[in-house]
N, C-alpha and C. Protein backbone atom coordinates (compact mmCIF):
# COMPACT_ATOMS: atom_id res chain seq x y z
N MET A 1 -4.55 16.73 8.53
CA MET A 1 -3.66 15.88 7.78
C MET A 1 -3.58 14.51 8.46
N ILE A 2 -3.50 13.44 7.67
CA ILE A 2 -3.45 12.11 8.23
C ILE A 2 -2.00 11.67 8.43
N PRO A 3 -1.75 10.72 9.33
CA PRO A 3 -0.38 10.23 9.53
C PRO A 3 0.18 9.65 8.22
N LEU A 4 1.45 9.87 7.97
CA LEU A 4 2.06 9.44 6.71
C LEU A 4 3.10 8.34 6.90
N ILE A 5 3.08 7.71 8.06
CA ILE A 5 3.97 6.59 8.35
C ILE A 5 3.27 5.69 9.36
N THR A 6 3.47 4.41 9.20
CA THR A 6 2.94 3.46 10.17
C THR A 6 3.93 2.31 10.28
N HIS A 7 3.84 1.59 11.37
CA HIS A 7 4.77 0.48 11.63
C HIS A 7 4.00 -0.80 11.89
N THR A 8 4.57 -1.90 11.47
CA THR A 8 4.12 -3.24 11.85
C THR A 8 5.35 -3.90 12.45
N PRO A 9 5.26 -5.12 12.96
CA PRO A 9 6.45 -5.72 13.58
C PRO A 9 7.70 -5.72 12.68
N ARG A 10 7.55 -5.97 11.39
CA ARG A 10 8.73 -6.06 10.52
C ARG A 10 8.81 -4.97 9.46
N LEU A 11 7.76 -4.17 9.33
CA LEU A 11 7.71 -3.19 8.26
C LEU A 11 7.58 -1.76 8.77
N LEU A 12 8.21 -0.85 8.05
CA LEU A 12 7.94 0.57 8.15
C LEU A 12 7.17 0.87 6.87
N ILE A 13 5.98 1.41 6.99
CA ILE A 13 5.13 1.68 5.82
C ILE A 13 5.02 3.20 5.70
N LEU A 14 5.53 3.69 4.57
CA LEU A 14 5.72 5.12 4.36
C LEU A 14 4.89 5.60 3.18
N ALA A 15 4.13 6.68 3.39
CA ALA A 15 3.33 7.26 2.30
C ALA A 15 4.25 7.81 1.22
N ALA A 16 3.88 7.57 -0.02
CA ALA A 16 4.62 8.13 -1.15
C ALA A 16 4.46 9.65 -1.14
N SER A 17 5.51 10.33 -1.54
CA SER A 17 5.48 11.78 -1.67
C SER A 17 5.79 12.12 -3.12
N ARG A 18 5.57 13.36 -3.47
CA ARG A 18 5.91 13.80 -4.83
C ARG A 18 7.40 13.61 -5.09
N ALA A 19 8.24 13.91 -4.10
CA ALA A 19 9.69 13.77 -4.28
C ALA A 19 10.08 12.32 -4.51
N LEU A 20 9.52 11.41 -3.71
CA LEU A 20 9.84 9.99 -3.89
C LEU A 20 9.36 9.47 -5.23
N LEU A 21 8.13 9.79 -5.61
CA LEU A 21 7.60 9.32 -6.88
C LEU A 21 8.36 9.91 -8.07
N THR A 22 8.75 11.18 -7.98
CA THR A 22 9.52 11.80 -9.05
C THR A 22 10.87 11.10 -9.20
N ALA A 23 11.52 10.82 -8.08
CA ALA A 23 12.80 10.10 -8.14
C ALA A 23 12.59 8.69 -8.70
N GLU A 24 11.57 8.01 -8.24
CA GLU A 24 11.31 6.64 -8.71
C GLU A 24 11.08 6.61 -10.22
N LEU A 25 10.36 7.61 -10.74
CA LEU A 25 10.05 7.66 -12.16
C LEU A 25 11.19 8.20 -13.02
N HIS A 26 11.88 9.23 -12.56
CA HIS A 26 12.80 9.95 -13.43
C HIS A 26 14.27 9.89 -13.02
N LYS A 27 14.54 9.55 -11.78
CA LYS A 27 15.93 9.46 -11.31
C LYS A 27 16.05 8.22 -10.42
N PRO A 28 15.86 7.03 -11.02
CA PRO A 28 15.79 5.81 -10.22
C PRO A 28 17.05 5.53 -9.38
N HIS A 29 18.20 6.08 -9.77
CA HIS A 29 19.40 5.86 -8.96
C HIS A 29 19.35 6.65 -7.65
N TYR A 30 18.54 7.72 -7.58
CA TYR A 30 18.37 8.49 -6.33
C TYR A 30 17.27 7.91 -5.43
N PHE A 31 16.37 7.16 -6.03
CA PHE A 31 15.21 6.65 -5.28
C PHE A 31 15.60 5.87 -4.03
N PRO A 32 16.48 4.86 -4.10
CA PRO A 32 16.83 4.14 -2.87
C PRO A 32 17.57 5.02 -1.86
N VAL A 33 18.31 6.02 -2.35
CA VAL A 33 19.01 6.93 -1.45
C VAL A 33 17.99 7.74 -0.65
N LEU A 34 16.97 8.26 -1.33
CA LEU A 34 15.93 9.03 -0.64
C LEU A 34 15.17 8.17 0.36
N LEU A 35 14.93 6.91 0.00
CA LEU A 35 14.23 6.00 0.92
C LEU A 35 15.12 5.53 2.06
N GLY A 36 16.43 5.54 1.84
CA GLY A 36 17.34 4.98 2.83
C GLY A 36 17.19 3.48 2.90
N ALA A 37 16.99 2.85 1.73
CA ALA A 37 16.72 1.41 1.70
C ALA A 37 17.29 0.79 0.43
N ALA A 38 17.63 -0.48 0.53
CA ALA A 38 18.04 -1.25 -0.65
C ALA A 38 16.80 -1.55 -1.48
N LEU A 39 16.99 -1.72 -2.79
CA LEU A 39 15.89 -2.05 -3.70
C LEU A 39 16.03 -3.50 -4.15
N PRO A 40 14.91 -4.22 -4.23
CA PRO A 40 14.99 -5.58 -4.77
C PRO A 40 15.28 -5.53 -6.27
N ALA A 41 15.85 -6.59 -6.79
CA ALA A 41 16.23 -6.63 -8.21
C ALA A 41 15.03 -6.49 -9.13
N ASP A 42 13.88 -6.95 -8.70
CA ASP A 42 12.69 -6.94 -9.58
C ASP A 42 11.74 -5.78 -9.30
N TRP A 43 12.26 -4.66 -8.82
CA TRP A 43 11.39 -3.51 -8.55
C TRP A 43 11.01 -2.83 -9.85
N PRO A 44 9.79 -2.43 -10.06
CA PRO A 44 8.61 -2.49 -9.18
C PRO A 44 7.88 -3.83 -9.31
N PRO A 45 7.17 -4.22 -8.25
CA PRO A 45 6.50 -5.51 -8.25
C PRO A 45 5.07 -5.46 -8.78
N GLY A 46 4.65 -6.55 -9.42
CA GLY A 46 3.25 -6.77 -9.80
C GLY A 46 2.56 -5.60 -10.44
N ALA A 47 1.38 -5.29 -9.90
CA ALA A 47 0.53 -4.23 -10.45
C ALA A 47 1.07 -2.84 -10.14
N TYR A 48 2.05 -2.74 -9.26
CA TYR A 48 2.66 -1.44 -8.99
C TYR A 48 3.67 -1.19 -10.11
N ASN A 49 3.22 -0.50 -11.13
CA ASN A 49 4.03 -0.29 -12.33
C ASN A 49 4.14 1.21 -12.61
N ARG A 50 4.75 1.54 -13.73
CA ARG A 50 4.96 2.95 -14.10
C ARG A 50 3.62 3.70 -14.17
N HIS A 51 2.60 3.06 -14.71
CA HIS A 51 1.29 3.70 -14.80
C HIS A 51 0.78 4.08 -13.41
N ALA A 52 0.90 3.16 -12.44
CA ALA A 52 0.46 3.44 -11.07
C ALA A 52 1.26 4.59 -10.47
N MET A 53 2.58 4.57 -10.67
CA MET A 53 3.43 5.65 -10.15
C MET A 53 3.01 7.00 -10.72
N GLU A 54 2.78 7.05 -12.02
CA GLU A 54 2.38 8.30 -12.67
C GLU A 54 1.02 8.77 -12.15
N TYR A 55 0.09 7.84 -11.97
CA TYR A 55 -1.23 8.18 -11.43
C TYR A 55 -1.10 8.77 -10.03
N PHE A 56 -0.32 8.10 -9.16
CA PHE A 56 -0.15 8.60 -7.79
C PHE A 56 0.49 9.98 -7.79
N LEU A 57 1.50 10.18 -8.63
CA LEU A 57 2.16 11.49 -8.70
C LEU A 57 1.18 12.56 -9.18
N GLU A 58 0.41 12.24 -10.19
CA GLU A 58 -0.60 13.18 -10.71
C GLU A 58 -1.61 13.56 -9.63
N GLN A 59 -2.09 12.56 -8.88
CA GLN A 59 -3.08 12.81 -7.83
C GLN A 59 -2.49 13.63 -6.68
N LEU A 60 -1.26 13.32 -6.30
CA LEU A 60 -0.62 14.09 -5.22
C LEU A 60 -0.36 15.53 -5.66
N THR A 61 0.01 15.72 -6.91
CA THR A 61 0.26 17.06 -7.43
C THR A 61 -1.04 17.86 -7.47
N ALA A 62 -2.11 17.26 -7.97
CA ALA A 62 -3.40 17.95 -8.08
C ALA A 62 -4.04 18.19 -6.71
N GLY A 63 -3.88 17.25 -5.80
CA GLY A 63 -4.58 17.33 -4.52
C GLY A 63 -3.84 18.05 -3.41
N GLY A 64 -2.57 18.30 -3.60
CA GLY A 64 -1.80 18.99 -2.57
C GLY A 64 -1.77 18.24 -1.26
N ARG A 65 -1.71 18.99 -0.17
CA ARG A 65 -1.59 18.40 1.18
C ARG A 65 -2.74 17.47 1.52
N THR A 66 -3.95 17.75 1.02
CA THR A 66 -5.09 16.90 1.38
C THR A 66 -5.04 15.54 0.69
N ALA A 67 -4.23 15.39 -0.35
CA ALA A 67 -4.09 14.11 -1.04
C ALA A 67 -3.05 13.21 -0.39
N ALA A 68 -2.17 13.79 0.43
CA ALA A 68 -1.10 13.02 1.06
C ALA A 68 -1.67 11.86 1.86
N GLY A 69 -1.14 10.68 1.64
CA GLY A 69 -1.56 9.49 2.36
C GLY A 69 -2.70 8.72 1.72
N TRP A 70 -3.33 9.26 0.68
CA TRP A 70 -4.47 8.60 0.06
C TRP A 70 -4.11 7.85 -1.22
N TYR A 71 -2.84 7.71 -1.48
CA TYR A 71 -2.43 7.01 -2.70
C TYR A 71 -1.34 6.00 -2.35
N GLY A 72 -0.18 6.05 -2.97
CA GLY A 72 0.82 5.01 -2.80
C GLY A 72 1.50 5.02 -1.44
N TRP A 73 1.90 3.83 -1.01
CA TRP A 73 2.67 3.63 0.21
C TRP A 73 3.77 2.63 -0.10
N TYR A 74 4.94 2.81 0.51
CA TYR A 74 6.07 1.90 0.34
C TYR A 74 6.21 1.03 1.59
N ALA A 75 6.43 -0.26 1.38
CA ALA A 75 6.66 -1.20 2.48
C ALA A 75 8.16 -1.47 2.57
N LEU A 76 8.77 -1.03 3.66
CA LEU A 76 10.20 -1.19 3.87
C LEU A 76 10.43 -2.21 4.98
N ARG A 77 11.13 -3.28 4.65
CA ARG A 77 11.47 -4.30 5.66
C ARG A 77 12.54 -3.69 6.55
N LYS A 78 12.28 -3.69 7.85
CA LYS A 78 13.23 -3.12 8.80
C LYS A 78 14.54 -3.92 8.76
N ALA A 79 15.65 -3.22 8.98
CA ALA A 79 16.96 -3.88 9.00
C ALA A 79 16.97 -4.93 10.10
N GLU A 80 17.64 -6.04 9.78
CA GLU A 80 17.74 -7.12 10.76
C GLU A 80 19.00 -7.91 10.47
N GLY A 81 19.87 -7.99 11.46
CA GLY A 81 21.12 -8.72 11.27
C GLY A 81 21.92 -8.14 10.13
N ASP A 82 22.29 -8.99 9.16
CA ASP A 82 23.08 -8.55 8.00
C ASP A 82 22.21 -8.00 6.88
N THR A 83 20.88 -8.05 7.03
CA THR A 83 19.98 -7.58 5.99
C THR A 83 19.63 -6.11 6.24
N PRO A 84 20.01 -5.23 5.30
CA PRO A 84 19.70 -3.80 5.49
C PRO A 84 18.21 -3.53 5.30
N ARG A 85 17.79 -2.34 5.70
CA ARG A 85 16.41 -1.95 5.41
C ARG A 85 16.23 -2.06 3.91
N THR A 86 15.15 -2.72 3.50
CA THR A 86 14.93 -3.03 2.09
C THR A 86 13.49 -2.73 1.69
N LEU A 87 13.32 -2.11 0.54
CA LEU A 87 11.99 -1.89 -0.02
C LEU A 87 11.49 -3.25 -0.51
N VAL A 88 10.40 -3.73 0.05
CA VAL A 88 9.91 -5.07 -0.31
C VAL A 88 8.56 -5.05 -1.01
N GLY A 89 7.85 -3.94 -0.94
CA GLY A 89 6.53 -3.91 -1.57
C GLY A 89 5.97 -2.51 -1.65
N ALA A 90 4.83 -2.45 -2.29
CA ALA A 90 4.09 -1.19 -2.43
C ALA A 90 2.62 -1.51 -2.26
N GLY A 91 1.91 -0.54 -1.80
CA GLY A 91 0.47 -0.70 -1.64
C GLY A 91 -0.12 0.67 -1.43
N GLY A 92 -1.35 0.67 -1.01
CA GLY A 92 -1.96 1.95 -0.70
C GLY A 92 -3.41 2.01 -1.07
N PHE A 93 -3.90 3.21 -1.08
CA PHE A 93 -5.29 3.49 -1.37
C PHE A 93 -5.40 4.00 -2.79
N LEU A 94 -6.53 3.76 -3.41
CA LEU A 94 -6.74 4.25 -4.77
C LEU A 94 -7.36 5.64 -4.76
N GLY A 95 -7.39 6.24 -3.60
CA GLY A 95 -7.91 7.59 -3.43
C GLY A 95 -8.57 7.73 -2.08
N PRO A 96 -8.99 8.94 -1.73
CA PRO A 96 -9.68 9.17 -0.46
C PRO A 96 -11.00 8.41 -0.42
N PRO A 97 -11.55 8.20 0.77
CA PRO A 97 -12.84 7.51 0.85
C PRO A 97 -13.95 8.35 0.23
N ASP A 98 -14.98 7.65 -0.25
CA ASP A 98 -16.14 8.35 -0.80
C ASP A 98 -17.01 8.88 0.35
N ALA A 99 -18.15 9.44 0.02
CA ALA A 99 -19.03 10.05 1.03
C ALA A 99 -19.51 9.05 2.08
N ALA A 100 -19.57 7.77 1.72
CA ALA A 100 -19.99 6.73 2.66
C ALA A 100 -18.83 6.20 3.48
N GLY A 101 -17.61 6.68 3.22
CA GLY A 101 -16.45 6.22 3.97
C GLY A 101 -15.80 4.97 3.39
N THR A 102 -16.03 4.69 2.11
CA THR A 102 -15.45 3.51 1.46
C THR A 102 -14.21 3.91 0.67
N ALA A 103 -13.15 3.14 0.88
CA ALA A 103 -11.89 3.33 0.15
C ALA A 103 -11.44 1.96 -0.35
N GLU A 104 -10.60 1.98 -1.38
CA GLU A 104 -10.09 0.73 -1.93
C GLU A 104 -8.58 0.67 -1.75
N ILE A 105 -8.08 -0.53 -1.44
CA ILE A 105 -6.64 -0.74 -1.31
C ILE A 105 -6.14 -1.69 -2.39
N SER A 106 -4.84 -1.61 -2.60
CA SER A 106 -4.14 -2.52 -3.49
C SER A 106 -2.75 -2.72 -2.89
N TYR A 107 -2.09 -3.82 -3.25
CA TYR A 107 -0.77 -4.09 -2.69
C TYR A 107 -0.03 -5.09 -3.55
N SER A 108 1.30 -5.06 -3.45
CA SER A 108 2.16 -5.96 -4.20
C SER A 108 3.47 -6.11 -3.45
N ILE A 109 4.01 -7.33 -3.43
CA ILE A 109 5.28 -7.61 -2.78
C ILE A 109 6.27 -8.09 -3.84
N ALA A 110 7.50 -7.64 -3.76
CA ALA A 110 8.55 -8.07 -4.69
C ALA A 110 8.73 -9.59 -4.59
N ALA A 111 9.00 -10.22 -5.72
CA ALA A 111 9.06 -11.68 -5.81
C ALA A 111 9.99 -12.31 -4.77
N ASP A 112 11.17 -11.76 -4.57
CA ASP A 112 12.13 -12.34 -3.62
C ASP A 112 11.66 -12.30 -2.18
N TRP A 113 10.64 -11.52 -1.88
CA TRP A 113 10.17 -11.35 -0.51
C TRP A 113 8.81 -11.99 -0.27
N ARG A 114 8.25 -12.65 -1.27
CA ARG A 114 6.94 -13.29 -1.10
C ARG A 114 7.05 -14.55 -0.25
N GLY A 115 5.92 -14.96 0.30
CA GLY A 115 5.86 -16.18 1.09
C GLY A 115 6.39 -16.04 2.50
N GLN A 116 6.60 -14.81 2.95
CA GLN A 116 7.13 -14.56 4.30
C GLN A 116 6.14 -13.84 5.20
N GLY A 117 4.90 -13.68 4.73
CA GLY A 117 3.89 -12.99 5.52
C GLY A 117 3.96 -11.47 5.44
N LEU A 118 4.80 -10.94 4.56
CA LEU A 118 4.95 -9.49 4.47
C LEU A 118 3.74 -8.82 3.82
N ALA A 119 3.09 -9.50 2.88
CA ALA A 119 1.87 -8.93 2.28
C ALA A 119 0.78 -8.84 3.34
N THR A 120 0.67 -9.86 4.17
CA THR A 120 -0.32 -9.84 5.26
C THR A 120 -0.04 -8.67 6.20
N GLU A 121 1.23 -8.47 6.50
CA GLU A 121 1.62 -7.36 7.37
C GLU A 121 1.37 -6.00 6.72
N LEU A 122 1.65 -5.90 5.41
CA LEU A 122 1.40 -4.65 4.69
C LEU A 122 -0.09 -4.31 4.70
N VAL A 123 -0.94 -5.28 4.40
CA VAL A 123 -2.38 -5.03 4.41
C VAL A 123 -2.85 -4.66 5.81
N ALA A 124 -2.32 -5.34 6.84
CA ALA A 124 -2.68 -4.98 8.22
C ALA A 124 -2.31 -3.54 8.51
N GLY A 125 -1.14 -3.11 8.01
CA GLY A 125 -0.72 -1.72 8.21
C GLY A 125 -1.63 -0.74 7.48
N LEU A 126 -2.10 -1.11 6.29
CA LEU A 126 -3.01 -0.24 5.55
C LEU A 126 -4.36 -0.15 6.25
N VAL A 127 -4.83 -1.27 6.82
CA VAL A 127 -6.08 -1.25 7.59
C VAL A 127 -5.91 -0.35 8.81
N GLN A 128 -4.77 -0.49 9.49
CA GLN A 128 -4.46 0.35 10.65
C GLN A 128 -4.45 1.82 10.26
N GLN A 129 -3.85 2.11 9.11
CA GLN A 129 -3.79 3.49 8.61
C GLN A 129 -5.18 4.01 8.31
N ALA A 130 -6.01 3.19 7.66
CA ALA A 130 -7.38 3.60 7.34
C ALA A 130 -8.15 3.94 8.62
N ALA A 131 -7.98 3.11 9.64
CA ALA A 131 -8.66 3.36 10.92
C ALA A 131 -8.15 4.66 11.55
N ALA A 132 -6.84 4.90 11.45
CA ALA A 132 -6.24 6.09 12.07
C ALA A 132 -6.75 7.38 11.47
N THR A 133 -7.19 7.35 10.21
CA THR A 133 -7.69 8.58 9.58
C THR A 133 -9.02 9.01 10.18
N GLY A 134 -9.79 8.05 10.72
CA GLY A 134 -11.12 8.34 11.24
C GLY A 134 -12.14 8.58 10.14
N MET A 135 -11.72 8.45 8.88
CA MET A 135 -12.60 8.75 7.74
C MET A 135 -13.10 7.51 7.01
N VAL A 136 -12.43 6.39 7.20
CA VAL A 136 -12.75 5.17 6.46
C VAL A 136 -13.62 4.26 7.31
N ARG A 137 -14.73 3.83 6.75
CA ARG A 137 -15.65 2.91 7.42
C ARG A 137 -15.64 1.52 6.79
N ARG A 138 -15.18 1.46 5.53
CA ARG A 138 -15.19 0.19 4.78
C ARG A 138 -14.04 0.21 3.78
N LEU A 139 -13.35 -0.92 3.70
CA LEU A 139 -12.27 -1.08 2.72
C LEU A 139 -12.65 -2.13 1.70
N LEU A 140 -12.31 -1.88 0.46
CA LEU A 140 -12.49 -2.83 -0.63
C LEU A 140 -11.13 -3.21 -1.18
N ALA A 141 -11.06 -4.40 -1.79
CA ALA A 141 -9.86 -4.84 -2.49
C ALA A 141 -10.27 -5.75 -3.63
N HIS A 142 -9.54 -5.66 -4.73
CA HIS A 142 -9.81 -6.48 -5.92
C HIS A 142 -8.50 -7.06 -6.43
N PRO A 143 -8.02 -8.15 -5.82
CA PRO A 143 -6.75 -8.73 -6.27
C PRO A 143 -6.91 -9.42 -7.63
N ALA A 144 -5.78 -9.74 -8.24
CA ALA A 144 -5.81 -10.44 -9.52
C ALA A 144 -6.52 -11.78 -9.36
N ALA A 145 -7.30 -12.14 -10.36
CA ALA A 145 -8.07 -13.39 -10.31
C ALA A 145 -7.16 -14.62 -10.24
N ASP A 146 -5.96 -14.51 -10.76
CA ASP A 146 -5.04 -15.66 -10.79
C ASP A 146 -4.10 -15.69 -9.59
N SER A 147 -4.47 -15.02 -8.49
CA SER A 147 -3.60 -14.96 -7.32
C SER A 147 -4.33 -15.41 -6.06
N PRO A 148 -4.41 -16.73 -5.84
CA PRO A 148 -5.05 -17.20 -4.60
C PRO A 148 -4.31 -16.72 -3.35
N ALA A 149 -3.00 -16.50 -3.45
CA ALA A 149 -2.25 -16.01 -2.28
C ALA A 149 -2.73 -14.62 -1.88
N ALA A 150 -3.04 -13.77 -2.87
CA ALA A 150 -3.53 -12.42 -2.57
C ALA A 150 -4.87 -12.49 -1.85
N ALA A 151 -5.72 -13.42 -2.26
CA ALA A 151 -7.01 -13.60 -1.59
C ALA A 151 -6.80 -14.05 -0.14
N GLN A 152 -5.84 -14.93 0.09
CA GLN A 152 -5.56 -15.40 1.45
C GLN A 152 -5.07 -14.26 2.34
N VAL A 153 -4.27 -13.37 1.79
CA VAL A 153 -3.79 -12.21 2.54
C VAL A 153 -4.99 -11.39 3.03
N LEU A 154 -5.94 -11.18 2.16
CA LEU A 154 -7.13 -10.40 2.53
C LEU A 154 -7.95 -11.13 3.57
N LEU A 155 -8.17 -12.42 3.40
CA LEU A 155 -8.93 -13.20 4.38
C LEU A 155 -8.27 -13.16 5.75
N ARG A 156 -6.94 -13.25 5.81
CA ARG A 156 -6.22 -13.19 7.09
C ARG A 156 -6.35 -11.82 7.74
N ASN A 157 -6.72 -10.81 6.98
CA ASN A 157 -6.89 -9.45 7.51
C ASN A 157 -8.35 -9.07 7.69
N GLY A 158 -9.24 -10.05 7.76
CA GLY A 158 -10.63 -9.78 8.08
C GLY A 158 -11.51 -9.38 6.92
N PHE A 159 -11.01 -9.47 5.69
CA PHE A 159 -11.83 -9.19 4.52
C PHE A 159 -12.69 -10.42 4.21
N ALA A 160 -13.84 -10.19 3.63
CA ALA A 160 -14.73 -11.28 3.21
C ALA A 160 -15.02 -11.13 1.72
N PRO A 161 -15.19 -12.24 1.02
CA PRO A 161 -15.50 -12.16 -0.41
C PRO A 161 -16.83 -11.44 -0.65
N THR A 162 -16.87 -10.64 -1.72
CA THR A 162 -18.10 -9.92 -2.07
C THR A 162 -18.60 -10.28 -3.45
N GLY A 163 -17.88 -11.13 -4.16
CA GLY A 163 -18.25 -11.46 -5.53
C GLY A 163 -17.35 -10.74 -6.50
N PRO A 164 -17.37 -11.17 -7.74
CA PRO A 164 -16.45 -10.58 -8.73
C PRO A 164 -16.82 -9.15 -9.11
N ALA A 165 -15.78 -8.39 -9.45
CA ALA A 165 -15.96 -7.04 -9.98
C ALA A 165 -16.35 -7.16 -11.45
N ALA A 166 -16.70 -6.04 -12.05
CA ALA A 166 -17.11 -6.03 -13.46
C ALA A 166 -16.02 -6.58 -14.39
N ASP A 167 -14.74 -6.41 -13.99
CA ASP A 167 -13.65 -6.91 -14.83
C ASP A 167 -13.26 -8.36 -14.51
N GLY A 168 -14.02 -9.01 -13.64
CA GLY A 168 -13.77 -10.42 -13.32
C GLY A 168 -12.87 -10.66 -12.13
N ARG A 169 -12.20 -9.63 -11.63
CA ARG A 169 -11.36 -9.82 -10.45
C ARG A 169 -12.24 -10.08 -9.24
N PRO A 170 -11.78 -10.92 -8.31
CA PRO A 170 -12.58 -11.16 -7.11
C PRO A 170 -12.66 -9.91 -6.24
N GLY A 171 -13.77 -9.75 -5.56
CA GLY A 171 -13.95 -8.60 -4.68
C GLY A 171 -13.92 -9.02 -3.23
N PHE A 172 -13.38 -8.17 -2.39
CA PHE A 172 -13.33 -8.39 -0.95
C PHE A 172 -13.64 -7.08 -0.25
N ALA A 173 -14.21 -7.17 0.94
CA ALA A 173 -14.53 -5.97 1.72
C ALA A 173 -14.40 -6.29 3.20
N ARG A 174 -14.19 -5.26 3.98
CA ARG A 174 -14.19 -5.38 5.44
C ARG A 174 -14.57 -4.04 6.04
N ALA A 175 -15.19 -4.12 7.20
CA ALA A 175 -15.53 -2.91 7.95
C ALA A 175 -14.25 -2.40 8.64
N VAL A 176 -14.23 -1.09 8.89
CA VAL A 176 -13.11 -0.46 9.58
C VAL A 176 -13.68 0.33 10.74
N GLU A 177 -13.17 0.07 11.91
CA GLU A 177 -13.55 0.83 13.09
C GLU A 177 -12.58 1.98 13.24
N PRO A 178 -13.05 3.23 13.18
CA PRO A 178 -12.13 4.36 13.35
C PRO A 178 -11.40 4.27 14.68
N ALA A 179 -10.11 4.57 14.66
CA ALA A 179 -9.31 4.57 15.88
C ALA A 179 -9.76 5.72 16.78
N MET A 180 -9.71 5.49 18.04
CA MET A 180 -10.07 6.54 19.00
C MET A 180 -8.93 7.55 19.05
N PRO A 181 -9.24 8.83 19.11
CA PRO A 181 -8.17 9.83 19.21
C PRO A 181 -7.36 9.64 20.49
N ALA A 182 -6.07 9.91 20.40
CA ALA A 182 -5.17 9.74 21.56
C ALA A 182 -5.40 10.81 22.58
């Protein structure tokens, strides 16, 4: 089983579970209680929508324990001063790596929390998580074509442009060095 939590300087990044996704989809008033975090007014952000939540829940249900950590992740801004721990974004993998060790990531930050470097930190945490699994050798990302900020986040995390995908979104890739076992 792969680690289901990772930390960056300002974020706790937590793998989605069936319980969290079920609450998010069907009992949204319990969702922040289960997370132990405040929710931004515009939740869910960007491409992380109901369809994505349902897909992640379906995959976790079908895949059982081996699917844990290979789909959605929540980015929680650590409490600081008068600001409580707050859910600021979502990201994750679109599934386990293929036979060559390639996996794809996606990410989104709530509007009120953009422009603070949190997307860069979230992607760094996902890269760290990919390395920790020992299974990922290459990461791909396909941000929205109309989001130059998303492309900058990837570039700051060592991704390089690969050309557009079939749907016109820009493509990015980076190598991943598996973490050495402790």
